Amino acid sequence: MHSTLTEHARCLYGDEYRPTPECSQQNKHSDAYFVEELTFAGADAILAMLHELSPRLFDGYLPIWIRNLSYRLLLLQRPDDPALMREAAASLLLHGPDWDDIATDLQRRADALDAD
């Protein structure tokens, strides 16, 4: 079994900066199992995965939908974190205009939190 969310993601999706590790669990890998693990992961584990596998928002092999889901889960756990809101907004802005309204709203909310 994988010891961390990052290790599981690296094994399943690969890593742009490190070789994909040998894994005895290859036959049990699936997006569904990973998403289940992600859903119940703590904010620190999710952030560690995002920052290690995509140190800059525009790189890494994590699928966009996994990245978006990760930021959504993070914001549910840390709803008043303006830095996290800005990071999530920047990620959304990189992937087409479909999410620009949500990104703009996140930036606006982060600015309002900073003003308080």
PDB file of N, CA and C in Angstrom:
ATOM      1  N   MET A   1       0.840  -1.180   0.000  1.00  0.00           N
ATOM      2  CA  MET A   1       0.000   0.000   0.000  1.00  0.00           C
ATOM      3  C   MET A   1       0.882   1.239   0.000  1.00  0.00           C
ATOM      4  N   HIS A   2       0.345   2.305  -0.479  1.00  0.00           N
ATOM      5  CA  HIS A   2       1.085   3.572  -0.504  1.00  0.00           C
ATOM      6  C   HIS A   2       1.008   4.243   0.860  1.00  0.00           C
ATOM      7  N   SER A   3       2.094   4.859   1.260  1.00  0.00           N
ATOM      8  CA  SER A   3       2.131   5.462   2.587  1.00  0.00           C
ATOM      9  C   SER A   3       1.595   6.888   2.612  1.00  0.00           C
ATOM     10  N   THR A   4       1.559   7.555   1.449  1.00  0.00           N
ATOM     11  CA  THR A   4       1.050   8.933   1.398  1.00  0.00           C
ATOM     12  C   THR A   4       0.195   9.126   0.155  1.00  0.00           C
ATOM     13  N   LEU A   5      -0.597  10.170   0.185  1.00  0.00           N
ATOM     14  CA  LEU A   5      -1.392  10.547  -0.982  1.00  0.00           C
ATOM     15  C   LEU A   5      -0.470  10.889  -2.155  1.00  0.00           C
ATOM     16  N   THR A   6       0.613  11.574  -1.876  1.00  0.00           N
ATOM     17  CA  THR A   6       1.579  11.931  -2.919  1.00  0.00           C
ATOM     18  C   THR A   6       2.157  10.687  -3.574  1.00  0.00           C
ATOM     19  N   GLU A   7       2.519   9.722  -2.765  1.00  0.00           N
ATOM     20  CA  GLU A   7       3.081   8.474  -3.296  1.00  0.00           C
ATOM     21  C   GLU A   7       2.065   7.750  -4.186  1.00  0.00           C
ATOM     22  N   HIS A   8       0.808   7.739  -3.752  1.00  0.00           N
ATOM     23  CA  HIS A   8      -0.235   7.089  -4.540  1.00  0.00           C
ATOM     24  C   HIS A   8      -0.426   7.822  -5.868  1.00  0.00           C
ATOM     25  N   ALA A   9      -0.485   9.148  -5.823  1.00  0.00           N
ATOM     26  CA  ALA A   9      -0.647   9.931  -7.054  1.00  0.00           C
ATOM     27  C   ALA A   9       0.539   9.739  -7.989  1.00  0.00           C
ATOM     28  N   ARG A  10       1.737   9.741  -7.436  1.00  0.00           N
ATOM     29  CA  ARG A  10       2.940   9.545  -8.255  1.00  0.00           C
ATOM     30  C   ARG A  10       2.909   8.180  -8.937  1.00  0.00           C
ATOM     31  N   CYS A  11       2.482   7.190  -8.213  1.00  0.00           N
ATOM     32  CA  CYS A  11       2.431   5.834  -8.747  1.00  0.00           C
ATOM     33  C   CYS A  11       1.364   5.712  -9.843  1.00  0.00           C
ATOM     34  N   LEU A  12       0.240   6.367  -9.634  1.00  0.00           N
ATOM     35  CA  LEU A  12      -0.879   6.274 -10.576  1.00  0.00           C
ATOM     36  C   LEU A  12      -0.696   7.153 -11.805  1.00  0.00           C
ATOM     37  N   TYR A  13      -0.268   8.408 -11.606  1.00  0.00           N
ATOM     38  CA  TYR A  13      -0.212   9.376 -12.713  1.00  0.00           C
ATOM     39  C   TYR A  13       1.196   9.680 -13.208  1.00  0.00           C
ATOM     40  N   GLY A  14       2.206   9.295 -12.447  1.00  0.00           N
ATOM     41  CA  GLY A  14       3.574   9.598 -12.827  1.00  0.00           C
ATOM     42  C   GLY A  14       4.029  10.912 -12.224  1.00  0.00           C
ATOM     43  N   ASP A  15       5.285  11.217 -12.433  1.00  0.00           N
ATOM     44  CA  ASP A  15       5.890  12.423 -11.876  1.00  0.00           C
ATOM     45  C   ASP A  15       6.842  12.983 -12.917  1.00  0.00           C
ATOM     46  N   GLU A  16       6.663  14.224 -13.243  1.00  0.00           N
ATOM     47  CA  GLU A  16       7.501  14.879 -14.246  1.00  0.00           C
ATOM     48  C   GLU A  16       8.955  14.985 -13.795  1.00  0.00           C
ATOM     49  N   TYR A  17       9.208  14.956 -12.499  1.00  0.00           N
ATOM     50  CA  TYR A  17      10.530  15.223 -11.967  1.00  0.00           C
ATOM     51  C   TYR A  17      11.240  14.004 -11.393  1.00  0.00           C
ATOM     52  N   ARG A  18      10.498  12.934 -11.153  1.00  0.00           N
ATOM     53  CA  ARG A  18      11.086  11.712 -10.604  1.00  0.00           C
ATOM     54  C   ARG A  18      10.543  10.520 -11.375  1.00  0.00           C
ATOM     55  N   PRO A  19      11.291   9.443 -11.382  1.00  0.00           N
ATOM     56  CA  PRO A  19      10.757   8.242 -12.035  1.00  0.00           C
ATOM     57  C   PRO A  19       9.565   7.692 -11.247  1.00  0.00           C
ATOM     58  N   THR A  20       8.641   7.093 -11.969  1.00  0.00           N
ATOM     59  CA  THR A  20       7.520   6.432 -11.315  1.00  0.00           C
ATOM     60  C   THR A  20       8.064   5.233 -10.553  1.00  0.00           C
ATOM     61  N   PRO A  21       7.750   5.139  -9.277  1.00  0.00           N
ATOM     62  CA  PRO A  21       8.323   4.051  -8.478  1.00  0.00           C
ATOM     63  C   PRO A  21       7.759   2.694  -8.866  1.00  0.00           C
ATOM     64  N   GLU A  22       8.543   1.660  -8.600  1.00  0.00           N
ATOM     65  CA  GLU A  22       8.036   0.302  -8.729  1.00  0.00           C
ATOM     66  C   GLU A  22       6.938   0.134  -7.689  1.00  0.00           C
ATOM     67  N   CYS A  23       5.892  -0.583  -8.067  1.00  0.00           N
ATOM     68  CA  CYS A  23       4.758  -0.676  -7.159  1.00  0.00           C
ATOM     69  C   CYS A  23       4.133  -2.062  -7.243  1.00  0.00           C
ATOM     70  N   SER A  24       3.976  -2.661  -6.086  1.00  0.00           N
ATOM     71  CA  SER A  24       3.333  -3.972  -6.052  1.00  0.00           C
ATOM     72  C   SER A  24       1.817  -3.860  -6.122  1.00  0.00           C
ATOM     73  N   GLN A  25       1.294  -2.652  -6.089  1.00  0.00           N
ATOM     74  CA  GLN A  25      -0.158  -2.421  -6.098  1.00  0.00           C
ATOM     75  C   GLN A  25      -0.679  -2.055  -7.494  1.00  0.00           C
ATOM     76  N   GLN A  26       0.135  -2.162  -8.529  1.00  0.00           N
ATOM     77  CA  GLN A  26      -0.260  -1.733  -9.872  1.00  0.00           C
ATOM     78  C   GLN A  26      -1.608  -2.306 -10.291  1.00  0.00           C
ATOM     79  N   ASN A  27      -1.892  -3.542  -9.932  1.00  0.00           N
ATOM     80  CA  ASN A  27      -3.142  -4.157 -10.362  1.00  0.00           C
ATOM     81  C   ASN A  27      -4.350  -3.594  -9.607  1.00  0.00           C
ATOM     82  N   LYS A  28      -4.116  -2.833  -8.542  1.00  0.00           N
ATOM     83  CA  LYS A  28      -5.208  -2.241  -7.770  1.00  0.00           C
ATOM     84  C   LYS A  28      -5.371  -0.746  -8.044  1.00  0.00           C
ATOM     85  N   HIS A  29      -4.611  -0.216  -8.955  1.00  0.00           N
ATOM     86  CA  HIS A  29      -4.691   1.210  -9.237  1.00  0.00           C
ATOM     87  C   HIS A  29      -5.934   1.540 -10.055  1.00  0.00           C
ATOM     88  N   SER A  30      -6.587   2.589  -9.629  1.00  0.00           N
ATOM     89  CA  SER A  30      -7.705   3.104 -10.405  1.00  0.00           C
ATOM     90  C   SER A  30      -7.959   4.535  -9.971  1.00  0.00           C
ATOM     91  N   ASP A  31      -8.525   5.320 -10.891  1.00  0.00           N
ATOM     92  CA  ASP A  31      -8.902   6.690 -10.540  1.00  0.00           C
ATOM     93  C   ASP A  31      -9.899   6.678  -9.387  1.00  0.00           C
ATOM     94  N   ALA A  32     -10.832   5.742  -9.406  1.00  0.00           N
ATOM     95  CA  ALA A  32     -11.880   5.694  -8.386  1.00  0.00           C
ATOM     96  C   ALA A  32     -11.287   5.506  -6.988  1.00  0.00           C
ATOM     97  N   TYR A  33     -10.342   4.593  -6.848  1.00  0.00           N
ATOM     98  CA  TYR A  33      -9.745   4.361  -5.538  1.00  0.00           C
ATOM     99  C   TYR A  33      -8.952   5.588  -5.094  1.00  0.00           C
ATOM    100  N   PHE A  34      -8.213   6.201  -6.020  1.00  0.00           N
ATOM    101  CA  PHE A  34      -7.439   7.387  -5.668  1.00  0.00           C
ATOM    102  C   PHE A  34      -8.365   8.527  -5.247  1.00  0.00           C
ATOM    103  N   VAL A  35      -9.445   8.736  -5.977  1.00  0.00           N
ATOM    104  CA  VAL A  35     -10.382   9.813  -5.640  1.00  0.00           C
ATOM    105  C   VAL A  35     -11.008   9.563  -4.269  1.00  0.00           C
ATOM    106  N   GLU A  36     -11.272   8.316  -3.954  1.00  0.00           N
ATOM    107  CA  GLU A  36     -11.789   8.006  -2.619  1.00  0.00           C
ATOM    108  C   GLU A  36     -10.771   8.396  -1.550  1.00  0.00           C
ATOM    109  N   GLU A  37      -9.511   8.067  -1.774  1.00  0.00           N
ATOM    110  CA  GLU A  37      -8.463   8.447  -0.825  1.00  0.00           C
ATOM    111  C   GLU A  37      -8.339   9.965  -0.747  1.00  0.00           C
ATOM    112  N   LEU A  38      -8.362  10.635  -1.887  1.00  0.00           N
ATOM    113  CA  LEU A  38      -8.277  12.090  -1.946  1.00  0.00           C
ATOM    114  C   LEU A  38      -9.438  12.745  -1.194  1.00  0.00           C
ATOM    115  N   THR A  39     -10.624  12.209  -1.357  1.00  0.00           N
ATOM    116  CA  THR A  39     -11.824  12.779  -0.741  1.00  0.00           C
ATOM    117  C   THR A  39     -11.694  12.873   0.775  1.00  0.00           C
ATOM    118  N   PHE A  40     -11.049  11.909   1.380  1.00  0.00           N
ATOM    119  CA  PHE A  40     -10.955  11.883   2.834  1.00  0.00           C
ATOM    120  C   PHE A  40      -9.583  12.296   3.360  1.00  0.00           C
ATOM    121  N   ALA A  41      -8.738  12.806   2.481  1.00  0.00           N
ATOM    122  CA  ALA A  41      -7.408  13.259   2.890  1.00  0.00           C
ATOM    123  C   ALA A  41      -7.502  14.617   3.577  1.00  0.00           C
ATOM    124  N   GLY A  42      -6.569  14.848   4.464  1.00  0.00           N
ATOM    125  CA  GLY A  42      -6.483  16.149   5.123  1.00  0.00           C
ATOM    126  C   GLY A  42      -5.865  17.189   4.202  1.00  0.00           C
ATOM    127  N   ALA A  43      -6.066  18.436   4.558  1.00  0.00           N
ATOM    128  CA  ALA A  43      -5.571  19.542   3.740  1.00  0.00           C
ATOM    129  C   ALA A  43      -4.055  19.487   3.553  1.00  0.00           C
ATOM    130  N   ASP A  44      -3.325  19.168   4.602  1.00  0.00           N
ATOM    131  CA  ASP A  44      -1.859  19.127   4.487  1.00  0.00           C
ATOM    132  C   ASP A  44      -1.401  18.068   3.488  1.00  0.00           C
ATOM    133  N   ALA A  45      -2.063  16.910   3.487  1.00  0.00           N
ATOM    134  CA  ALA A  45      -1.693  15.842   2.551  1.00  0.00           C
ATOM    135  C   ALA A  45      -2.010  16.241   1.113  1.00  0.00           C
ATOM    136  N   ILE A  46      -3.133  16.903   0.915  1.00  0.00           N
ATOM    137  CA  ILE A  46      -3.517  17.332  -0.438  1.00  0.00           C
ATOM    138  C   ILE A  46      -2.556  18.406  -0.940  1.00  0.00           C
ATOM    139  N   LEU A  47      -2.259  19.379  -0.089  1.00  0.00           N
ATOM    140  CA  LEU A  47      -1.312  20.429  -0.488  1.00  0.00           C
ATOM    141  C   LEU A  47       0.061  19.852  -0.790  1.00  0.00           C
ATOM    142  N   ALA A  48       0.510  18.916   0.027  1.00  0.00           N
ATOM    143  CA  ALA A  48       1.817  18.292  -0.215  1.00  0.00           C
ATOM    144  C   ALA A  48       1.836  17.617  -1.579  1.00  0.00           C
ATOM    145  N   MET A  49       0.767  16.917  -1.915  1.00  0.00           N
ATOM    146  CA  MET A  49       0.689  16.246  -3.216  1.00  0.00           C
ATOM    147  C   MET A  49       0.744  17.269  -4.351  1.00  0.00           C
ATOM    148  N   LEU A  50      -0.074  18.301  -4.266  1.00  0.00           N
ATOM    149  CA  LEU A  50      -0.099  19.311  -5.331  1.00  0.00           C
ATOM    150  C   LEU A  50       1.254  19.990  -5.480  1.00  0.00           C
ATOM    151  N   HIS A  51       1.855  20.382  -4.364  1.00  0.00           N
ATOM    152  CA  HIS A  51       3.112  21.123  -4.433  1.00  0.00           C
ATOM    153  C   HIS A  51       4.290  20.247  -4.847  1.00  0.00           C
ATOM    154  N   GLU A  52       4.253  18.978  -4.512  1.00  0.00           N
ATOM    155  CA  GLU A  52       5.354  18.103  -4.901  1.00  0.00           C
ATOM    156  C   GLU A  52       5.231  17.656  -6.360  1.00  0.00           C
ATOM    157  N   LEU A  53       4.023  17.337  -6.801  1.00  0.00           N
ATOM    158  CA  LEU A  53       3.858  16.827  -8.163  1.00  0.00           C
ATOM    159  C   LEU A  53       3.655  17.936  -9.196  1.00  0.00           C
ATOM    160  N   SER A  54       3.279  19.120  -8.751  1.00  0.00           N
ATOM    161  CA  SER A  54       3.134  20.278  -9.640  1.00  0.00           C
ATOM    162  C   SER A  54       3.722  21.501  -8.938  1.00  0.00           C
ATOM    163  N   PRO A  55       5.044  21.548  -8.794  1.00  0.00           N
ATOM    164  CA  PRO A  55       5.641  22.655  -8.037  1.00  0.00           C
ATOM    165  C   PRO A  55       5.349  24.030  -8.638  1.00  0.00           C
ATOM    166  N   ARG A  56       5.139  24.052  -9.925  1.00  0.00           N
ATOM    167  CA  ARG A  56       4.649  25.265 -10.591  1.00  0.00           C
ATOM    168  C   ARG A  56       3.301  24.868 -11.178  1.00  0.00           C
ATOM    169  N   LEU A  57       2.358  25.749 -11.127  1.00  0.00           N
ATOM    170  CA  LEU A  57       0.990  25.390 -11.515  1.00  0.00           C
ATOM    171  C   LEU A  57       0.864  24.833 -12.929  1.00  0.00           C
ATOM    172  N   PHE A  58       1.767  25.195 -13.801  1.00  0.00           N
ATOM    173  CA  PHE A  58       1.628  24.809 -15.208  1.00  0.00           C
ATOM    174  C   PHE A  58       2.304  23.491 -15.550  1.00  0.00           C
ATOM    175  N   ASP A  59       2.868  22.816 -14.564  1.00  0.00           N
ATOM    176  CA  ASP A  59       3.575  21.574 -14.879  1.00  0.00           C
ATOM    177  C   ASP A  59       2.990  20.398 -14.114  1.00  0.00           C
ATOM    178  N   GLY A  60       3.586  19.260 -14.288  1.00  0.00           N
ATOM    179  CA  GLY A  60       3.148  18.060 -13.593  1.00  0.00           C
ATOM    180  C   GLY A  60       2.209  17.222 -14.442  1.00  0.00           C
ATOM    181  N   TYR A  61       2.063  15.984 -14.031  1.00  0.00           N
ATOM    182  CA  TYR A  61       1.244  15.021 -14.773  1.00  0.00           C
ATOM    183  C   TYR A  61      -0.123  14.768 -14.147  1.00  0.00           C
ATOM    184  N   LEU A  62      -0.437  15.452 -13.047  1.00  0.00           N
ATOM    185  CA  LEU A  62      -1.761  15.262 -12.463  1.00  0.00           C
ATOM    186  C   LEU A  62      -2.816  15.698 -13.468  1.00  0.00           C
ATOM    187  N   PRO A  63      -3.829  14.897 -13.681  1.00  0.00           N
ATOM    188  CA  PRO A  63      -4.908  15.325 -14.581  1.00  0.00           C
ATOM    189  C   PRO A  63      -5.564  16.598 -14.046  1.00  0.00           C
ATOM    190  N   ILE A  64      -6.018  17.419 -14.947  1.00  0.00           N
ATOM    191  CA  ILE A  64      -6.628  18.692 -14.559  1.00  0.00           C
ATOM    192  C   ILE A  64      -7.809  18.459 -13.629  1.00  0.00           C
ATOM    193  N   TRP A  65      -8.597  17.450 -13.895  1.00  0.00           N
ATOM    194  CA  TRP A  65      -9.766  17.228 -13.049  1.00  0.00           C
ATOM    195  C   TRP A  65      -9.369  16.817 -11.639  1.00  0.00           C
ATOM    196  N   ILE A  66      -8.246  16.123 -11.483  1.00  0.00           N
ATOM    197  CA  ILE A  66      -7.748  15.783 -10.148  1.00  0.00           C
ATOM    198  C   ILE A  66      -7.257  17.047  -9.453  1.00  0.00           C
ATOM    199  N   ARG A  67      -6.571  17.895 -10.192  1.00  0.00           N
ATOM    200  CA  ARG A  67      -6.083  19.144  -9.616  1.00  0.00           C
ATOM    201  C   ARG A  67      -7.257  20.025  -9.172  1.00  0.00           C
ATOM    202  N   ASN A  68      -8.270  20.167 -10.033  1.00  0.00           N
ATOM    203  CA  ASN A  68      -9.432  20.987  -9.678  1.00  0.00           C
ATOM    204  C   ASN A  68     -10.160  20.421  -8.460  1.00  0.00           C
ATOM    205  N   LEU A  69     -10.362  19.117  -8.441  1.00  0.00           N
ATOM    206  CA  LEU A  69     -11.012  18.479  -7.298  1.00  0.00           C
ATOM    207  C   LEU A  69     -10.189  18.685  -6.032  1.00  0.00           C
ATOM    208  N   SER A  70      -8.884  18.586  -6.147  1.00  0.00           N
ATOM    209  CA  SER A  70      -8.009  18.767  -4.986  1.00  0.00           C
ATOM    210  C   SER A  70      -8.174  20.169  -4.402  1.00  0.00           C
ATOM    211  N   TYR A  71      -8.160  21.174  -5.262  1.00  0.00           N
ATOM    212  CA  TYR A  71      -8.327  22.540  -4.758  1.00  0.00           C
ATOM    213  C   TYR A  71      -9.715  22.743  -4.158  1.00  0.00           C
ATOM    214  N   ARG A  72     -10.718  22.133  -4.755  1.00  0.00           N
ATOM    215  CA  ARG A  72     -12.070  22.252  -4.198  1.00  0.00           C
ATOM    216  C   ARG A  72     -12.129  21.646  -2.801  1.00  0.00           C
ATOM    217  N   LEU A  73     -11.551  20.471  -2.635  1.00  0.00           N
ATOM    218  CA  LEU A  73     -11.532  19.829  -1.321  1.00  0.00           C
ATOM    219  C   LEU A  73     -10.718  20.646  -0.318  1.00  0.00           C
ATOM    220  N   LEU A  74      -9.625  21.223  -0.768  1.00  0.00           N
ATOM    221  CA  LEU A  74      -8.827  22.080   0.109  1.00  0.00           C
ATOM    222  C   LEU A  74      -9.626  23.285   0.593  1.00  0.00           C
ATOM    223  N   LEU A  75     -10.348  23.924  -0.339  1.00  0.00           N
ATOM    224  CA  LEU A  75     -11.113  25.114   0.036  1.00  0.00           C
ATOM    225  C   LEU A  75     -12.289  24.782   0.944  1.00  0.00           C
ATOM    226  N   LEU A  76     -12.802  23.573   0.853  1.00  0.00           N
ATOM    227  CA  LEU A  76     -13.843  23.155   1.800  1.00  0.00           C
ATOM    228  C   LEU A  76     -13.252  22.986   3.202  1.00  0.00           C
ATOM    229  N   GLN A  77     -12.003  22.559   3.270  1.00  0.00           N
ATOM    230  CA  GLN A  77     -11.353  22.360   4.561  1.00  0.00           C
ATOM    231  C   GLN A  77     -10.776  23.657   5.126  1.00  0.00           C
ATOM    232  N   ARG A  78     -10.384  24.553   4.236  1.00  0.00           N
ATOM    233  CA  ARG A  78      -9.789  25.833   4.659  1.00  0.00           C
ATOM    234  C   ARG A  78     -10.494  26.986   3.936  1.00  0.00           C
ATOM    235  N   PRO A  79     -11.747  27.236   4.289  1.00  0.00           N
ATOM    236  CA  PRO A  79     -12.548  28.213   3.546  1.00  0.00           C
ATOM    237  C   PRO A  79     -12.105  29.668   3.706  1.00  0.00           C
ATOM    238  N   ASP A  80     -11.286  29.951   4.699  1.00  0.00           N
ATOM    239  CA  ASP A  80     -10.876  31.335   4.948  1.00  0.00           C
ATOM    240  C   ASP A  80      -9.391  31.555   4.717  1.00  0.00           C
ATOM    241  N   ASP A  81      -8.805  30.819   3.797  1.00  0.00           N
ATOM    242  CA  ASP A  81      -7.370  30.909   3.510  1.00  0.00           C
ATOM    243  C   ASP A  81      -7.171  31.653   2.193  1.00  0.00           C
ATOM    244  N   PRO A  82      -6.883  32.970   2.259  1.00  0.00           N
ATOM    245  CA  PRO A  82      -6.772  33.752   1.020  1.00  0.00           C
ATOM    246  C   PRO A  82      -5.633  33.297   0.102  1.00  0.00           C
ATOM    247  N   ALA A  83      -4.526  32.857   0.667  1.00  0.00           N
ATOM    248  CA  ALA A  83      -3.416  32.388  -0.183  1.00  0.00           C
ATOM    249  C   ALA A  83      -3.830  31.152  -0.969  1.00  0.00           C
ATOM    250  N   LEU A  84      -4.550  30.260  -0.315  1.00  0.00           N
ATOM    251  CA  LEU A  84      -5.034  29.054  -0.983  1.00  0.00           C
ATOM    252  C   LEU A  84      -6.066  29.400  -2.052  1.00  0.00           C
ATOM    253  N   MET A  85      -6.922  30.356  -1.778  1.00  0.00           N
ATOM    254  CA  MET A  85      -7.904  30.798  -2.779  1.00  0.00           C
ATOM    255  C   MET A  85      -7.201  31.330  -4.023  1.00  0.00           C
ATOM    256  N   ARG A  86      -6.160  32.108  -3.808  1.00  0.00           N
ATOM    257  CA  ARG A  86      -5.415  32.662  -4.953  1.00  0.00           C
ATOM    258  C   ARG A  86      -4.708  31.561  -5.741  1.00  0.00           C
ATOM    259  N   GLU A  87      -4.152  30.598  -5.040  1.00  0.00           N
ATOM    260  CA  GLU A  87      -3.489  29.473  -5.716  1.00  0.00           C
ATOM    261  C   GLU A  87      -4.492  28.678  -6.546  1.00  0.00           C
ATOM    262  N   ALA A  88      -5.652  28.407  -5.972  1.00  0.00           N
ATOM    263  CA  ALA A  88      -6.702  27.678  -6.697  1.00  0.00           C
ATOM    264  C   ALA A  88      -7.164  28.489  -7.908  1.00  0.00           C
ATOM    265  N   ALA A  89      -7.329  29.785  -7.736  1.00  0.00           N
ATOM    266  CA  ALA A  89      -7.751  30.647  -8.845  1.00  0.00           C
ATOM    267  C   ALA A  89      -6.714  30.641  -9.960  1.00  0.00           C
ATOM    268  N   ALA A  90      -5.452  30.728  -9.604  1.00  0.00           N
ATOM    269  CA  ALA A  90      -4.392  30.711 -10.620  1.00  0.00           C
ATOM    270  C   ALA A  90      -4.399  29.395 -11.393  1.00  0.00           C
ATOM    271  N   SER A  91      -4.632  28.300 -10.695  1.00  0.00           N
ATOM    272  CA  SER A  91      -4.704  27.004 -11.363  1.00  0.00           C
ATOM    273  C   SER A  91      -5.871  26.965 -12.344  1.00  0.00           C
ATOM    274  N   LEU A  92      -7.020  27.454 -11.907  1.00  0.00           N
ATOM    275  CA  LEU A  92      -8.201  27.459 -12.791  1.00  0.00           C
ATOM    276  C   LEU A  92      -7.974  28.327 -14.030  1.00  0.00           C
ATOM    277  N   LEU A  93      -7.318  29.461 -13.858  1.00  0.00           N
ATOM    278  CA  LEU A  93      -7.090  30.373 -14.988  1.00  0.00           C
ATOM    279  C   LEU A  93      -6.176  29.777 -16.056  1.00  0.00           C
ATOM    280  N   LEU A  94      -5.360  28.807 -15.679  1.00  0.00           N
ATOM    281  CA  LEU A  94      -4.457  28.176 -16.645  1.00  0.00           C
ATOM    282  C   LEU A  94      -5.166  27.237 -17.612  1.00  0.00           C
ATOM    283  N   HIS A  95      -6.398  26.872 -17.303  1.00  0.00           N
ATOM    284  CA  HIS A  95      -7.037  25.793 -18.050  1.00  0.00           C
ATOM    285  C   HIS A  95      -8.292  26.222 -18.784  1.00  0.00           C
ATOM    286  N   GLY A  96      -8.187  27.346 -19.441  1.00  0.00           N
ATOM    287  CA  GLY A  96      -9.277  27.756 -20.314  1.00  0.00           C
ATOM    288  C   GLY A  96     -10.296  28.644 -19.639  1.00  0.00           C
ATOM    289  N   PRO A  97     -11.123  29.241 -20.441  1.00  0.00           N
ATOM    290  CA  PRO A  97     -12.078  30.240 -19.927  1.00  0.00           C
ATOM    291  C   PRO A  97     -13.271  29.647 -19.191  1.00  0.00           C
ATOM    292  N   ASP A  98     -13.451  28.340 -19.226  1.00  0.00           N
ATOM    293  CA  ASP A  98     -14.614  27.734 -18.572  1.00  0.00           C
ATOM    294  C   ASP A  98     -14.684  28.042 -17.084  1.00  0.00           C
ATOM    295  N   TRP A  99     -13.533  28.232 -16.448  1.00  0.00           N
ATOM    296  CA  TRP A  99     -13.481  28.406 -14.995  1.00  0.00           C
ATOM    297  C   TRP A  99     -13.120  29.832 -14.588  1.00  0.00           C
ATOM    298  N   ASP A 100     -13.054  30.747 -15.547  1.00  0.00           N
ATOM    299  CA  ASP A 100     -12.625  32.107 -15.225  1.00  0.00           C
ATOM    300  C   ASP A 100     -13.536  32.803 -14.219  1.00  0.00           C
ATOM    301  N   ASP A 101     -14.841  32.593 -14.307  1.00  0.00           N
ATOM    302  CA  ASP A 101     -15.760  33.224 -13.354  1.00  0.00           C
ATOM    303  C   ASP A 101     -15.500  32.735 -11.933  1.00  0.00           C
ATOM    304  N   ILE A 102     -15.258  31.453 -11.786  1.00  0.00           N
ATOM    305  CA  ILE A 102     -14.973  30.896 -10.458  1.00  0.00           C
ATOM    306  C   ILE A 102     -13.635  31.433  -9.948  1.00  0.00           C
ATOM    307  N   ALA A 103     -12.652  31.502 -10.833  1.00  0.00           N
ATOM    308  CA  ALA A 103     -11.341  32.025 -10.448  1.00  0.00           C
ATOM    309  C   ALA A 103     -11.444  33.482 -10.012  1.00  0.00           C
ATOM    310  N   THR A 104     -12.188  34.270 -10.751  1.00  0.00           N
ATOM    311  CA  THR A 104     -12.370  35.679 -10.399  1.00  0.00           C
ATOM    312  C   THR A 104     -13.055  35.817  -9.042  1.00  0.00           C
ATOM    313  N   ASP A 105     -14.059  34.987  -8.796  1.00  0.00           N
ATOM    314  CA  ASP A 105     -14.752  35.017  -7.507  1.00  0.00           C
ATOM    315  C   ASP A 105     -13.806  34.629  -6.373  1.00  0.00           C
ATOM    316  N   LEU A 106     -12.968  33.629  -6.591  1.00  0.00           N
ATOM    317  CA  LEU A 106     -11.996  33.247  -5.562  1.00  0.00           C
ATOM    318  C   LEU A 106     -11.028  34.381  -5.262  1.00  0.00           C
ATOM    319  N   GLN A 107     -10.567  35.056  -6.301  1.00  0.00           N
ATOM    320  CA  GLN A 107      -9.657  36.188  -6.102  1.00  0.00           C
ATOM    321  C   GLN A 107     -10.356  37.317  -5.333  1.00  0.00           C
ATOM    322  N   ARG A 108     -11.589  37.572  -5.674  1.00  0.00           N
ATOM    323  CA  ARG A 108     -12.374  38.611  -4.993  1.00  0.00           C
ATOM    324  C   ARG A 108     -12.559  38.264  -3.513  1.00  0.00           C
ATOM    325  N   ARG A 109     -12.886  37.001  -3.231  1.00  0.00           N
ATOM    326  CA  ARG A 109     -13.058  36.565  -1.845  1.00  0.00           C
ATOM    327  C   ARG A 109     -11.749  36.650  -1.073  1.00  0.00           C
ATOM    328  N   ALA A 110     -10.637  36.303  -1.716  1.00  0.00           N
ATOM    329  CA  ALA A 110      -9.338  36.401  -1.058  1.00  0.00           C
ATOM    330  C   ALA A 110      -9.012  37.858  -0.729  1.00  0.00           C
ATOM    331  N   ASP A 111      -9.283  38.753  -1.660  1.00  0.00           N
ATOM    332  CA  ASP A 111      -9.053  40.181  -1.416  1.00  0.00           C
ATOM    333  C   ASP A 111      -9.902  40.684  -0.247  1.00  0.00           C
ATOM    334  N   ALA A 112     -11.149  40.241  -0.186  1.00  0.00           N
ATOM    335  CA  ALA A 112     -12.038  40.663   0.904  1.00  0.00           C
ATOM    336  C   ALA A 112     -11.523  40.134   2.249  1.00  0.00           C
ATOM    337  N   LEU A 113     -11.038  38.915   2.282  1.00  0.00           N
ATOM    338  CA  LEU A 113     -10.494  38.370   3.524  1.00  0.00           C
ATOM    339  C   LEU A 113      -9.254  39.135   3.959  1.00  0.00           C
ATOM    340  N   ASP A 114      -8.403  39.491   2.998  1.00  0.00           N
ATOM    341  CA  ASP A 114      -7.193  40.251   3.320  1.00  0.00           C
ATOM    342  C   ASP A 114      -7.529  41.663   3.831  1.00  0.00           C
ATOM    343  N   ALA A 115      -8.616  42.217   3.316  1.00  0.00           N
ATOM    344  CA  ALA A 115      -9.016  43.580   3.729  1.00  0.00           C
ATOM    345  C   ALA A 115      -9.540  43.610   5.154  1.00  0.00           C
ATOM    346  N   ASP A 116     -10.066  42.478   5.613  1.00  0.00           N
ATOM    347  CA  ASP A 116     -10.627  42.427   6.985  1.00  0.00           C
ATOM    348  C   ASP A 116      -9.556  42.468   7.993  1.00  0.00           C
TER     349      ASP A 116
END
